């Protein structure tokens, strides 16, 4: 399994420089960390964490699982671990959804999210929430390998390995909902004025220990997740060898003195050792599926790069025996058995990897230096040139970025990723009319494309005038119904409403953003303040009262457990 460990969310390494204003500077000394960790092993009645109220041995309901996952995601967002970017989100969701639809439980809901950490890791938790570290994407040679990791995690969820771990934790009287809150409580009790690095490290450590205890995978679980994951890969038209390929990459990095891009041993290996037996079994399963599909793979190993593989025809097996076809799936989701493996990719992996390289770097300048250290600039791929241009854009060098992006767009006409970056570069260079023309053209092609809408709205927000705010509102309103749990959307919509002179809608969106960022008490205060306005119409008042009713029980439970928002305490 790919576990969430303390190192997987280590806040000290590769942390972004610019922090959200609400992240307070608090410290957690060793004694407080001990308290936080001890809270994980204490009986539920002695813990100050929220009590989920389940009896020992009783499985969590789907709703409870969803609540666990959503609360965990909110806390990760609150402490700035998440890497949220519309294009990356779209790529990851497209990849994950395709795999989930071809799993053994295609109706199981999943939420895929990216963490900014560069350690190589991924994990699954309750409610179908699957997190992937940026470092894992940077370590992969191709999208099929990332798909192999996600397929493995999807199998842990569909086979209820995660839920069984939670049930064991309940029997041991360990609280399930957000073990990380123990560290936050201890951090709030600290009187030190030091950096909040220690508090975040403690929160990550508590979370990692809880995940390890909660998801106590057995060897049988791992073997089952590998087997089903490889089948999911095949059904999704990814190369079935990809899982074994990634195992091999990790094993090679471990052997080379544990060094990776950043001189550290992959955390994935620390929690999940790769053995020759496991690699061999994964390769054997992939070969069996290929025989059943009627194809074989011929590979030529390049000492300076990944293997170059091609498929060639082979006699088709008459009776598939390892589940290459999922009888539970509708015909529209079944893989085409006559299609070559490797045809299921999104076509965006190379660009996604380079965009992540920039977004996960400490600073845009660090990202630029990474590209400079890659060697001969003339040998850079289009994706690498895009990455460098995007780093320049983020480093406030829009003219240099625009020059490269314009050349790339001529070579790749209509590419949405390049077009969006070029439009942003033009806007920052003072060419607002040209930028708007590009955005409007994209909107005519895909009017409800989340990445296009949010990118355009962000650009409009930078102009800071009422006309730009009204246009941003107009763009965002069609997505309101599907964006209740979209923190990025709520943030952008709140700013647009502010600029447009719509304080009520802005207040609602700011409250939703606070809630989704793990600040339910702040959200409740904002909504109650908003409710006292005399200019509310019937519909606005009904919306606000409904949200107050929904958020109040959560805030009351946190208060009962002694967990308060530190920023509100200071007022």
Protein backbone atom coordinates (compact mmCIF):
# COMPACT_ATOMS: atom_id res chain seq x y z
CA UNK A 1 0.00 0.00 0.00
CA UNK A 2 0.96 3.62 -0.39
CA UNK A 3 0.53 5.03 3.08
CA UNK A 4 0.13 8.56 4.34
CA UNK A 5 3.11 9.01 6.63
CA UNK A 6 4.50 11.95 8.52
CA UNK A 7 7.19 12.30 5.87
CA UNK A 8 4.57 12.28 3.14
CA UNK A 9 3.22 15.54 4.48
CA UNK A 10 6.46 16.92 5.94
CA UNK A 11 5.76 20.67 6.06
CA UNK A 12 9.39 21.69 6.38
CA UNK A 13 10.69 20.37 3.07
CA UNK A 14 9.71 22.17 -0.12
CA UNK A 15 7.11 24.32 1.56
CA UNK A 16 5.88 27.33 -0.41
CA UNK A 17 7.13 30.69 0.70
CA UNK A 18 3.83 32.55 0.44
CA UNK A 19 1.45 31.37 3.12
CA UNK A 20 -2.26 32.08 3.53
CA UNK A 21 -2.88 34.88 6.07
CA UNK A 22 -4.95 32.63 8.34
CA UNK A 23 -2.05 30.24 9.01
CA UNK A 24 -0.95 31.36 12.45
CA UNK A 25 2.57 31.14 13.81
CA UNK A 26 2.36 28.60 16.62
CA UNK A 27 4.80 26.09 18.06
CA UNK A 28 4.49 22.59 19.43
CA UNK A 29 7.37 21.52 21.71
CA UNK A 30 8.34 17.90 22.26
CA UNK A 31 6.07 17.57 25.29
CA UNK A 32 3.06 18.78 23.35
CA UNK A 33 3.91 16.40 20.51
CA UNK A 34 3.95 13.56 23.00
CA UNK A 35 0.47 14.56 24.15
CA UNK A 36 -0.75 14.67 20.57
CA UNK A 37 0.62 11.24 19.76
CA UNK A 38 -0.64 9.82 23.03
CA UNK A 39 -4.13 11.00 22.14
CA UNK A 40 -4.09 8.54 19.28
CA UNK A 41 -3.71 5.59 21.62
CA UNK A 42 -5.97 6.76 24.43
CA UNK A 43 -9.50 5.41 24.92
CA UNK A 44 -12.11 7.50 23.14
CA UNK A 45 -13.64 8.76 26.37
CA UNK A 46 -10.23 10.14 27.42
CA UNK A 47 -9.53 11.83 24.10
CA UNK A 48 -10.30 15.43 23.28
CA UNK A 49 -11.02 14.55 19.66
CA UNK A 50 -14.58 14.52 18.29
CA UNK A 51 -16.47 11.34 19.21
CA UNK A 52 -18.03 9.72 16.16
CA UNK A 53 -20.44 7.80 18.35
CA UNK A 54 -20.00 4.37 16.73
CA UNK A 55 -20.02 1.19 18.78
CA UNK A 56 -17.06 -1.16 18.61
CA UNK A 57 -17.07 -3.38 15.57
CA UNK A 58 -19.71 -1.39 13.71
CA UNK A 59 -18.73 -0.35 10.22
CA UNK A 60 -18.91 3.34 9.40
CA UNK A 61 -21.79 4.35 7.18
CA UNK A 62 -21.01 5.78 3.73
CA UNK A 63 -22.01 9.20 5.03
CA UNK A 64 -19.61 8.94 7.96
CA UNK A 65 -16.83 7.85 5.64
CA UNK A 66 -17.50 10.84 3.39
CA UNK A 67 -17.44 13.17 6.42
CA UNK A 68 -14.10 11.76 7.53
CA UNK A 69 -12.56 12.28 4.11
CA UNK A 70 -14.01 15.78 3.71
CA UNK A 71 -12.80 16.90 7.13
CA UNK A 72 -9.33 15.51 6.50
CA UNK A 73 -9.20 17.35 3.17
CA UNK A 74 -10.28 20.61 4.83
CA UNK A 75 -7.48 20.32 7.40
CA UNK A 76 -4.89 19.55 4.73
CA UNK A 77 -6.09 22.64 2.87
CA UNK A 78 -6.02 24.72 6.06
CA UNK A 79 -2.34 23.90 6.60
CA UNK A 80 -1.50 24.51 2.95
CA UNK A 81 -0.55 20.94 2.05
CA UNK A 82 -2.88 20.74 -0.94
CA UNK A 83 -1.78 21.76 -4.38
CA UNK A 84 -4.95 23.06 -6.00
CA UNK A 85 -4.71 24.13 -9.61
CA UNK A 86 -7.58 23.94 -12.11
CA UNK A 87 -5.55 22.27 -14.87
CA UNK A 88 -3.82 19.78 -12.55
CA UNK A 89 -7.14 19.02 -10.84
CA UNK A 90 -8.76 18.37 -14.22
CA UNK A 91 -5.94 16.07 -15.35
CA UNK A 92 -5.89 14.08 -12.10
CA UNK A 93 -9.67 13.79 -11.95
CA UNK A 94 -9.86 12.65 -15.58
CA UNK A 95 -7.22 10.01 -14.94
CA UNK A 96 -8.70 8.85 -11.64
CA UNK A 97 -12.30 8.81 -12.85
CA UNK A 98 -11.42 6.70 -15.87
CA UNK A 99 -9.70 4.16 -13.64
CA UNK A 100 -12.50 4.19 -11.06
CA UNK A 101 -15.11 3.60 -13.78
CA UNK A 102 -13.18 0.50 -14.86
CA UNK A 103 -12.70 -0.85 -11.33
CA UNK A 104 -14.70 -3.65 -9.73
CA UNK A 105 -16.98 -1.04 -8.09
CA UNK A 106 -17.66 1.58 -10.79
CA UNK A 107 -20.39 3.25 -8.65
CA UNK A 108 -18.03 3.94 -5.73
CA UNK A 109 -17.47 7.73 -5.45
CA UNK A 110 -13.87 8.95 -5.37
CA UNK A 111 -12.15 12.25 -4.70
CA UNK A 112 -8.61 12.62 -6.06
CA UNK A 113 -6.37 15.40 -4.80
CA UNK A 114 -2.77 16.49 -5.13
CA UNK A 115 -0.37 17.41 -2.35
CA UNK A 116 2.51 19.80 -3.00
CA UNK A 117 5.10 17.65 -1.20
CA UNK A 118 7.92 16.27 -3.35
CA UNK A 119 8.36 13.06 -1.40
CA UNK A 120 7.23 10.05 -3.43
CA UNK A 121 4.02 8.88 -1.84
CA UNK A 122 0.27 8.42 -2.16
CA UNK A 123 -2.51 7.15 0.09
CA UNK A 124 -6.19 6.26 0.26
CA UNK A 125 -8.54 6.89 3.15
CA UNK A 126 -12.21 6.62 4.02
CA UNK A 127 -14.84 7.95 1.66
CA UNK A 128 -12.79 7.17 -1.45
CA UNK A 129 -10.39 10.09 -0.87
CA UNK A 130 -7.08 9.41 -2.62
CA UNK A 131 -4.12 11.75 -2.27
CA UNK A 132 -1.03 11.85 -4.48
CA UNK A 133 2.20 13.69 -3.72
CA UNK A 134 3.67 15.84 -6.48
CA UNK A 135 6.92 13.94 -6.03
CA UNK A 136 5.31 10.75 -7.27
CA UNK A 137 4.31 12.42 -10.54
CA UNK A 138 7.81 13.85 -10.97
CA UNK A 139 9.32 10.40 -10.39
CA UNK A 140 7.16 8.64 -13.00
CA UNK A 141 8.36 8.20 -16.58
CA UNK A 142 4.85 8.03 -18.04
CA UNK A 143 1.20 8.37 -17.14
CA UNK A 144 0.69 4.60 -17.10
CA UNK A 145 2.89 4.37 -13.99
CA UNK A 146 0.85 7.01 -12.17
CA UNK A 147 -2.27 5.11 -13.25
CA UNK A 148 -0.75 1.98 -11.71
CA UNK A 149 -0.40 3.70 -8.33
CA UNK A 150 -3.95 5.09 -8.48
CA UNK A 151 -5.35 1.70 -9.52
CA UNK A 152 -3.67 0.13 -6.51
CA UNK A 153 -5.21 2.72 -4.18
CA UNK A 154 -8.62 2.42 -5.83
CA UNK A 155 -8.53 -1.32 -5.17
CA UNK A 156 -7.84 -0.71 -1.47
CA UNK A 157 -11.05 1.33 -1.34
CA UNK A 158 -13.27 -0.93 -3.46
CA UNK A 159 -12.18 -4.03 -1.53
CA UNK A 160 -12.95 -2.20 1.74
CA UNK A 161 -9.39 -2.58 3.04
CA UNK A 162 -9.59 1.01 4.31
CA UNK A 163 -12.94 0.43 6.00
CA UNK A 164 -11.70 -2.76 7.69
CA UNK A 165 -8.78 -0.79 9.07
CA UNK A 166 -11.21 1.77 10.46
CA UNK A 167 -13.25 -0.99 12.04
CA UNK A 168 -10.16 -2.34 13.77
CA UNK A 169 -9.40 1.14 15.02
CA UNK A 170 -12.93 1.39 16.44
CA UNK A 171 -12.52 -1.90 18.27
CA UNK A 172 -9.38 -0.46 19.85
CA UNK A 173 -11.43 2.60 20.88
CA UNK A 174 -9.33 4.92 18.73
CA UNK A 175 -11.18 8.00 17.44
CA UNK A 176 -11.50 7.93 13.65
CA UNK A 177 -12.34 11.50 12.72
CA UNK A 178 -9.20 13.54 12.19
CA UNK A 179 -6.47 12.34 14.50
CA UNK A 180 -4.56 15.40 13.37
CA UNK A 181 -6.87 17.56 15.51
CA UNK A 182 -5.00 16.28 18.56
CA UNK A 183 -1.90 18.10 17.40
CA UNK A 184 -3.90 21.21 16.58
CA UNK A 185 -5.40 21.28 20.08
CA UNK A 186 -1.94 20.97 21.63
CA UNK A 187 -0.60 23.64 19.32
CA UNK A 188 -3.35 26.06 20.36
CA UNK A 189 -2.37 25.54 24.00
CA UNK A 190 1.21 26.57 23.32
CA UNK A 191 2.38 30.00 24.46
CA UNK A 192 5.56 30.08 22.37
CA UNK A 193 6.14 32.68 19.69
CA UNK A 194 8.27 30.41 17.50
CA UNK A 195 7.45 29.33 13.96
CA UNK A 196 4.42 27.13 13.30
CA UNK A 197 6.68 24.57 11.57
CA UNK A 198 6.70 22.32 14.64
CA UNK A 199 2.92 22.48 14.99
CA UNK A 200 2.43 21.46 11.39
CA UNK A 201 5.01 18.71 11.71
CA UNK A 202 3.18 17.38 14.75
CA UNK A 203 -0.13 17.50 12.91
CA UNK A 204 1.40 15.59 10.02
CA UNK A 205 2.96 13.09 12.40
CA UNK A 206 -0.32 12.51 14.19
CA UNK A 207 -2.09 12.07 10.90
CA UNK A 208 0.55 9.66 9.64
CA UNK A 209 0.40 7.52 12.78
CA UNK A 210 -3.38 7.43 12.58
CA UNK A 211 -3.29 6.39 8.95
CA UNK A 212 -0.82 3.62 9.70
CA UNK A 213 -2.97 2.35 12.56
CA UNK A 214 -6.25 2.83 10.76
CA UNK A 215 -5.14 1.23 7.49
CA UNK A 216 -3.25 -1.78 8.78
CA UNK A 217 -2.83 -3.56 5.50
CA UNK A 218 -1.94 -7.23 5.40
CA UNK A 219 0.16 -8.96 2.79
CA UNK A 220 -3.04 -10.44 1.37
CA UNK A 221 -4.56 -6.96 1.03
CA UNK A 222 -1.48 -5.78 -0.86
CA UNK A 223 -1.51 -8.73 -3.20
CA UNK A 224 -5.20 -8.25 -3.87
CA UNK A 225 -4.75 -4.52 -4.52
CA UNK A 226 -1.91 -5.27 -6.97
CA UNK A 227 -3.94 -7.92 -8.80
CA UNK A 228 -7.10 -5.84 -9.11
CA UNK A 229 -5.13 -2.70 -9.87
CA UNK A 230 -3.44 -4.36 -12.84
CA UNK A 231 -6.82 -5.50 -14.12
CA UNK A 232 -8.12 -1.94 -13.80
CA UNK A 233 -5.11 -0.68 -15.75
CA UNK A 234 -5.86 -3.12 -18.56
CA UNK A 235 -9.55 -2.29 -18.68
CA UNK A 236 -8.63 1.39 -18.92
CA UNK A 237 -6.25 0.68 -21.82
CA UNK A 238 -3.14 1.51 -19.82
CA UNK A 239 -0.10 -0.75 -20.02
CA UNK A 240 -0.60 -3.56 -17.46
CA UNK A 241 3.18 -3.66 -16.89
CA UNK A 242 3.10 -0.09 -15.56
CA UNK A 243 2.67 -1.08 -11.92
CA UNK A 244 5.72 -3.35 -12.06
CA UNK A 245 7.61 -0.62 -13.92
CA UNK A 246 7.01 1.83 -11.09
CA UNK A 247 8.02 -0.78 -8.51
CA UNK A 248 11.28 -1.19 -10.46
CA UNK A 249 11.89 2.58 -10.50
CA UNK A 250 11.47 2.74 -6.74
CA UNK A 251 13.70 -0.25 -6.17
CA UNK A 252 16.44 1.27 -8.34
CA UNK A 253 16.28 4.54 -6.41
CA UNK A 254 16.50 2.68 -3.14
CA UNK A 255 19.60 0.81 -4.28
CA UNK A 256 21.40 3.96 -5.37
CA UNK A 257 22.05 4.94 -1.74
CA UNK A 258 18.44 6.00 -1.28
CA UNK A 259 18.97 9.03 -3.48
CA UNK A 260 16.29 10.61 -5.57
CA UNK A 261 15.94 14.03 -7.17
CA UNK A 262 16.18 15.64 -3.76
CA UNK A 263 18.72 13.35 -2.09
CA UNK A 264 16.19 11.46 0.01
CA UNK A 265 14.95 7.90 0.12
CA UNK A 266 11.42 7.65 -1.33
CA UNK A 267 8.90 7.59 1.53
CA UNK A 268 6.87 5.17 -0.54
CA UNK A 269 9.61 2.60 0.07
CA UNK A 270 9.90 3.33 3.78
CA UNK A 271 6.31 2.24 4.38
CA UNK A 272 6.00 -0.21 1.52
CA UNK A 273 9.15 -2.20 0.62
CA UNK A 274 9.30 -3.49 -2.94
CA UNK A 275 10.53 -7.06 -3.27
CA UNK A 276 11.69 -9.07 -6.26
CA UNK A 277 8.77 -11.42 -5.65
CA UNK A 278 6.26 -8.61 -5.84
CA UNK A 279 7.74 -7.20 -9.04
CA UNK A 280 7.79 -10.67 -10.59
CA UNK A 281 4.18 -11.33 -9.64
CA UNK A 282 3.10 -8.00 -11.11
CA UNK A 283 4.94 -8.75 -14.36
CA UNK A 284 3.42 -12.24 -14.54
CA UNK A 285 -0.10 -10.86 -14.10
CA UNK A 286 0.51 -8.27 -16.80
CA UNK A 287 1.86 -10.94 -19.18
CA UNK A 288 -1.20 -13.12 -18.53
CA UNK A 289 -3.54 -10.25 -19.38
CA UNK A 290 -1.58 -9.56 -22.56
CA UNK A 291 -1.92 -13.19 -23.60
CA UNK A 292 -5.65 -12.98 -23.03
CA UNK A 293 -5.85 -9.79 -25.08
CA UNK A 294 -3.82 -11.37 -27.85
CA UNK A 295 -0.82 -9.04 -27.65
CA UNK A 296 2.75 -9.23 -26.43
CA UNK A 297 5.25 -6.51 -25.69
CA UNK A 298 8.78 -6.20 -27.06
CA UNK A 299 10.99 -3.75 -25.14
CA UNK A 300 14.41 -2.30 -25.88
CA UNK A 301 16.10 -0.94 -22.77
CA UNK A 302 17.78 2.44 -23.22
CA UNK A 303 20.61 2.87 -20.67
CA UNK A 304 20.03 6.63 -20.68
CA UNK A 305 16.25 6.58 -20.38
CA UNK A 306 13.08 4.49 -20.04
CA UNK A 307 12.53 1.35 -22.05
CA UNK A 308 11.05 1.76 -25.52
CA UNK A 309 8.30 -0.81 -25.97
CA UNK A 310 6.10 -1.86 -28.86
CA UNK A 311 3.26 -4.32 -29.05
CA UNK A 312 3.04 -7.16 -31.52
CA UNK A 313 0.23 -9.55 -32.26
CA UNK A 314 0.01 -12.86 -30.47
CA UNK A 315 -2.60 -15.64 -30.46
CA UNK A 316 -5.69 -14.58 -28.53
CA UNK A 317 -6.63 -16.68 -25.52
CA UNK A 318 -10.11 -18.10 -25.94
CA UNK A 319 -11.17 -17.90 -22.32
CA UNK A 320 -9.84 -14.96 -20.24
CA UNK A 321 -9.18 -16.10 -16.67
CA UNK A 322 -7.91 -13.08 -14.76
CA UNK A 323 -10.77 -10.63 -15.03
CA UNK A 324 -9.60 -8.61 -18.04
CA UNK A 325 -13.28 -7.84 -18.75
CA UNK A 326 -15.47 -6.56 -15.93
CA UNK A 327 -18.99 -8.03 -16.27
CA UNK A 328 -20.35 -5.34 -13.91
CA UNK A 329 -19.48 -2.51 -16.28
CA UNK A 330 -21.81 -1.24 -18.99
CA UNK A 331 -20.67 -1.86 -22.54
CA UNK A 332 -19.71 1.79 -23.00
CA UNK A 333 -17.06 1.47 -20.27
CA UNK A 334 -15.62 -1.87 -21.33
CA UNK A 335 -12.14 -1.71 -22.83
CA UNK A 336 -11.90 -2.43 -26.54
CA UNK A 337 -10.11 -5.77 -26.67
CA UNK A 338 -8.78 -5.02 -30.12
CA UNK A 339 -7.10 -1.82 -28.99
CA UNK A 340 -3.42 -1.65 -28.10
CA UNK A 341 -2.52 -1.03 -24.48
CA UNK A 342 -1.28 2.46 -23.69
CA UNK A 343 -4.12 4.08 -25.66
CA UNK A 344 -5.99 5.16 -22.53
CA UNK A 345 -3.80 8.09 -21.56
CA UNK A 346 -5.11 11.62 -21.16
CA UNK A 347 -2.37 13.00 -23.41
CA UNK A 348 -1.57 15.60 -20.74
CA UNK A 349 0.94 13.80 -18.52
CA UNK A 350 4.11 15.52 -19.78
CA UNK A 351 2.56 18.98 -19.40
CA UNK A 352 1.02 18.10 -16.01
CA UNK A 353 4.39 16.88 -14.72
CA UNK A 354 6.13 20.11 -15.74
CA UNK A 355 3.36 22.30 -14.33
CA UNK A 356 3.64 20.37 -11.06
CA UNK A 357 7.40 20.84 -11.10
CA UNK A 358 6.81 24.60 -11.06
CA UNK A 359 3.92 24.64 -8.58
CA UNK A 360 5.66 22.32 -6.08
CA UNK A 361 8.97 24.21 -6.09
CA UNK A 362 9.76 26.44 -3.11
CA UNK A 363 9.69 29.50 -5.34
CA UNK A 364 9.31 30.18 -9.08
CA UNK A 365 13.01 31.12 -9.13
CA UNK A 366 13.87 27.68 -7.78
CA UNK A 367 11.82 26.12 -10.56
CA UNK A 368 13.70 28.18 -13.17
CA UNK A 369 17.00 26.97 -11.71
CA UNK A 370 15.78 23.38 -11.97
CA UNK A 371 15.23 23.81 -15.69
CA UNK A 372 18.60 25.48 -16.10
CA UNK A 373 20.24 22.48 -14.42
CA UNK A 374 18.60 20.02 -16.81
CA UNK A 375 21.31 20.56 -19.42
CA UNK A 376 21.22 21.58 -23.05
CA UNK A 377 18.29 23.95 -23.57
CA UNK A 378 18.01 22.92 -27.23
CA UNK A 379 17.10 19.38 -26.15
CA UNK A 380 14.16 20.39 -23.96
CA UNK A 381 10.82 18.91 -24.88
CA UNK A 382 7.81 21.10 -25.63
CA UNK A 383 6.46 20.23 -22.18
CA UNK A 384 9.71 21.31 -20.52
CA UNK A 385 9.70 24.58 -22.47
CA UNK A 386 6.12 25.10 -21.31
CA UNK A 387 7.21 24.43 -17.72
CA UNK A 388 10.04 26.95 -17.90
CA UNK A 389 7.73 29.56 -19.43
CA UNK A 390 5.16 28.96 -16.70
CA UNK A 391 7.90 29.36 -14.07
CA UNK A 392 8.90 32.65 -15.69
CA UNK A 393 5.27 33.77 -15.65
CA UNK A 394 5.02 33.04 -11.92
CA UNK A 395 8.37 34.77 -11.36
CA UNK A 396 6.89 37.98 -12.84
CA UNK A 397 8.70 37.65 -16.16
CA UNK A 398 5.61 37.68 -18.41
CA UNK A 399 7.36 38.98 -21.54
CA UNK A 400 9.90 36.13 -21.58
CA UNK A 401 7.11 33.63 -20.86
CA UNK A 402 4.90 35.02 -23.65
CA UNK A 403 7.67 34.68 -26.25
CA UNK A 404 8.13 30.97 -25.54
CA UNK A 405 4.42 30.27 -25.19
CA UNK A 406 3.60 32.00 -28.47
CA UNK A 407 6.12 29.77 -30.28
CA UNK A 408 4.70 26.67 -28.60
CA UNK A 409 1.14 27.64 -29.52
CA UNK A 410 2.08 28.00 -33.18
CA UNK A 411 3.48 24.48 -33.00
CA UNK A 412 0.51 23.15 -31.01
CA UNK A 413 -2.49 25.22 -32.18
CA UNK A 414 -5.55 25.08 -29.96
CA UNK A 415 -3.72 23.62 -26.94
CA UNK A 416 -5.74 24.80 -23.93
CA UNK A 417 -2.85 24.64 -21.43
CA UNK A 418 -0.56 26.72 -23.61
CA UNK A 419 -3.34 29.15 -24.57
CA UNK A 420 -4.30 29.79 -20.92
CA UNK A 421 -0.70 30.44 -19.92
CA UNK A 422 -0.19 32.78 -22.88
CA UNK A 423 -3.38 34.69 -22.07
CA UNK A 424 -2.20 35.12 -18.46
CA UNK A 425 1.22 36.28 -19.68
CA UNK A 426 -0.36 38.81 -22.04
CA UNK A 427 -2.60 40.16 -19.29
CA UNK A 428 0.38 40.62 -16.96
CA UNK A 429 2.26 42.34 -19.80
CA UNK A 430 -0.51 44.92 -20.15
CA UNK A 431 -2.06 43.38 -23.27
CA UNK A 432 -5.53 43.00 -21.77
CA UNK A 433 -7.42 43.05 -25.06
CA UNK A 434 -5.34 40.24 -26.55
CA UNK A 435 -5.61 38.20 -23.35
CA UNK A 436 -9.39 38.64 -23.20
CA UNK A 437 -9.73 37.62 -26.84
CA UNK A 438 -7.94 34.34 -26.11
CA UNK A 439 -10.05 33.66 -23.02
CA UNK A 440 -13.30 34.48 -24.82
CA UNK A 441 -12.33 32.17 -27.70
CA UNK A 442 -11.75 29.32 -25.26
CA UNK A 443 -15.06 30.02 -23.55
CA UNK A 444 -16.94 29.80 -26.85
CA UNK A 445 -15.44 26.33 -27.34
CA UNK A 446 -15.97 25.10 -23.75
CA UNK A 447 -18.24 27.56 -21.88
CA UNK A 448 -18.31 25.59 -18.62
CA UNK A 449 -14.69 24.47 -18.53
CA UNK A 450 -13.65 24.94 -14.90
CA UNK A 451 -9.99 25.63 -15.67
CA UNK A 452 -10.80 28.23 -18.30
CA UNK A 453 -13.45 29.95 -16.17
CA UNK A 454 -11.33 30.10 -13.00
CA UNK A 455 -8.22 31.24 -14.87
CA UNK A 456 -10.13 34.01 -16.64
CA UNK A 457 -11.87 35.07 -13.42
CA UNK A 458 -8.51 35.26 -11.62
CA UNK A 459 -7.12 37.48 -14.37
CA UNK A 460 -10.18 39.73 -14.19
CA UNK A 461 -9.85 39.93 -10.41
CA UNK A 462 -6.34 41.32 -10.74
CA UNK A 463 -7.78 44.36 -12.53
CA UNK A 464 -9.72 45.34 -9.42
CA UNK A 465 -12.59 47.26 -11.00
CA UNK A 466 -16.36 46.80 -10.92
CA UNK A 467 -16.69 45.99 -14.63
CA UNK A 468 -14.13 43.19 -14.37
CA UNK A 469 -15.89 41.93 -11.24
CA UNK A 470 -19.25 41.79 -12.98
CA UNK A 471 -17.76 39.90 -15.93
CA UNK A 472 -16.12 37.44 -13.53
CA UNK A 473 -19.44 36.95 -11.75
CA UNK A 474 -21.12 36.29 -15.09
CA UNK A 475 -18.53 33.64 -15.91
CA UNK A 476 -18.72 31.93 -12.54
CA UNK A 477 -22.49 31.84 -11.92
CA UNK A 478 -23.17 28.84 -14.25
CA UNK A 479 -20.82 26.77 -12.07
CA UNK A 480 -22.42 27.72 -8.74
CA UNK A 481 -24.62 24.64 -8.57
CA UNK A 482 -21.74 22.21 -8.93
CA UNK A 483 -19.19 24.11 -6.83
CA UNK A 484 -20.55 23.94 -3.28
CA UNK A 485 -17.46 22.01 -2.12
CA UNK A 486 -14.97 23.73 -4.40
CA UNK A 487 -12.76 25.93 -2.21
CA UNK A 488 -10.97 27.48 -5.18
CA UNK A 489 -14.25 28.44 -6.81
CA UNK A 490 -15.64 29.96 -3.61
CA UNK A 491 -12.51 32.06 -3.13
CA UNK A 492 -12.58 33.40 -6.70
CA UNK A 493 -16.35 33.96 -6.63
CA UNK A 494 -16.13 35.86 -3.33
CA UNK A 495 -13.52 38.23 -4.77
CA UNK A 496 -15.53 38.75 -7.97
CA UNK A 497 -18.68 39.59 -5.98
CA UNK A 498 -16.71 42.00 -3.82
CA UNK A 499 -15.43 43.83 -6.90
CA UNK A 500 -18.88 43.85 -8.49
CA UNK A 501 -20.45 45.49 -5.42
CA UNK A 502 -22.43 42.44 -4.26
CA UNK A 503 -21.49 42.16 -0.55
CA UNK A 504 -24.12 39.55 0.34
CA UNK A 505 -23.01 37.02 -2.25
CA UNK A 506 -19.40 37.84 -1.42
CA UNK A 507 -20.05 37.20 2.28
CA UNK A 508 -21.67 33.84 1.57
CA UNK A 509 -18.77 32.76 -0.64
CA UNK A 510 -16.15 33.92 1.88
CA UNK A 511 -17.93 31.89 4.58
CA UNK A 512 -17.99 28.79 2.37
CA UNK A 513 -14.29 29.24 1.61
CA UNK A 514 -13.54 29.46 5.34
CA UNK A 515 -15.52 26.29 6.02
CA UNK A 516 -13.79 24.37 3.22
CA UNK A 517 -10.45 25.57 4.54
CA UNK A 518 -11.05 23.89 7.89
CA UNK A 519 -12.38 26.97 9.71
CA UNK A 520 -16.04 26.11 10.51
CA UNK A 521 -16.17 28.48 13.50
CA UNK A 522 -15.05 31.41 11.36
CA UNK A 523 -17.59 30.45 8.72
CA UNK A 524 -20.36 30.45 11.32
CA UNK A 525 -19.35 33.87 12.67
CA UNK A 526 -19.32 35.31 9.14
CA UNK A 527 -22.74 33.87 8.33
CA UNK A 528 -24.31 35.13 11.55
CA UNK A 529 -22.91 38.60 10.87
CA UNK A 530 -24.27 38.44 7.33
CA UNK A 531 -27.69 37.37 8.60
CA UNK A 532 -28.04 40.65 10.53
CA UNK A 533 -27.93 42.74 7.35
CA UNK A 534 -31.16 44.65 6.72
CA UNK A 535 -30.93 44.41 2.93
CA UNK A 536 -31.24 40.62 2.63
CA UNK A 537 -33.98 39.36 0.35
CA UNK A 538 -36.01 36.24 1.13
CA UNK A 539 -33.83 33.89 -0.90
CA UNK A 540 -30.51 35.15 0.48
CA UNK A 541 -31.80 34.87 4.05
CA UNK A 542 -33.01 31.31 3.40
CA UNK A 543 -29.63 30.29 1.99
CA UNK A 544 -27.75 31.81 4.92
CA UNK A 545 -30.01 30.26 7.55
CA UNK A 546 -29.72 26.86 5.92
CA UNK A 547 -25.91 27.02 6.03
CA UNK A 548 -25.94 28.21 9.66
CA UNK A 549 -28.10 25.21 10.56
CA UNK A 550 -25.75 22.86 8.73
CA UNK A 551 -22.50 24.22 10.22
CA UNK A 552 -23.63 24.82 13.83
CA UNK A 553 -23.55 21.14 14.99
CA UNK A 554 -19.95 20.79 13.82
CA UNK A 555 -18.86 23.94 15.64
CA UNK A 556 -20.69 22.94 18.83
CA UNK A 557 -19.07 19.51 18.84
CA UNK A 558 -15.61 21.01 18.36
CA UNK A 559 -16.26 23.44 21.21
CA UNK A 560 -17.45 20.57 23.42
CA UNK A 561 -14.13 18.88 22.80
CA UNK A 562 -12.27 22.08 23.63
CA UNK A 563 -11.22 22.83 20.07
CA UNK A 564 -11.55 26.52 19.23
CA UNK A 565 -10.38 28.70 16.36
CA UNK A 566 -7.27 30.43 17.69
CA UNK A 567 -7.76 33.52 15.52
CA UNK A 568 -11.23 34.07 16.99
CA UNK A 569 -9.88 33.63 20.52
CA UNK A 570 -7.53 36.56 20.02
CA UNK A 571 -10.37 38.95 19.14
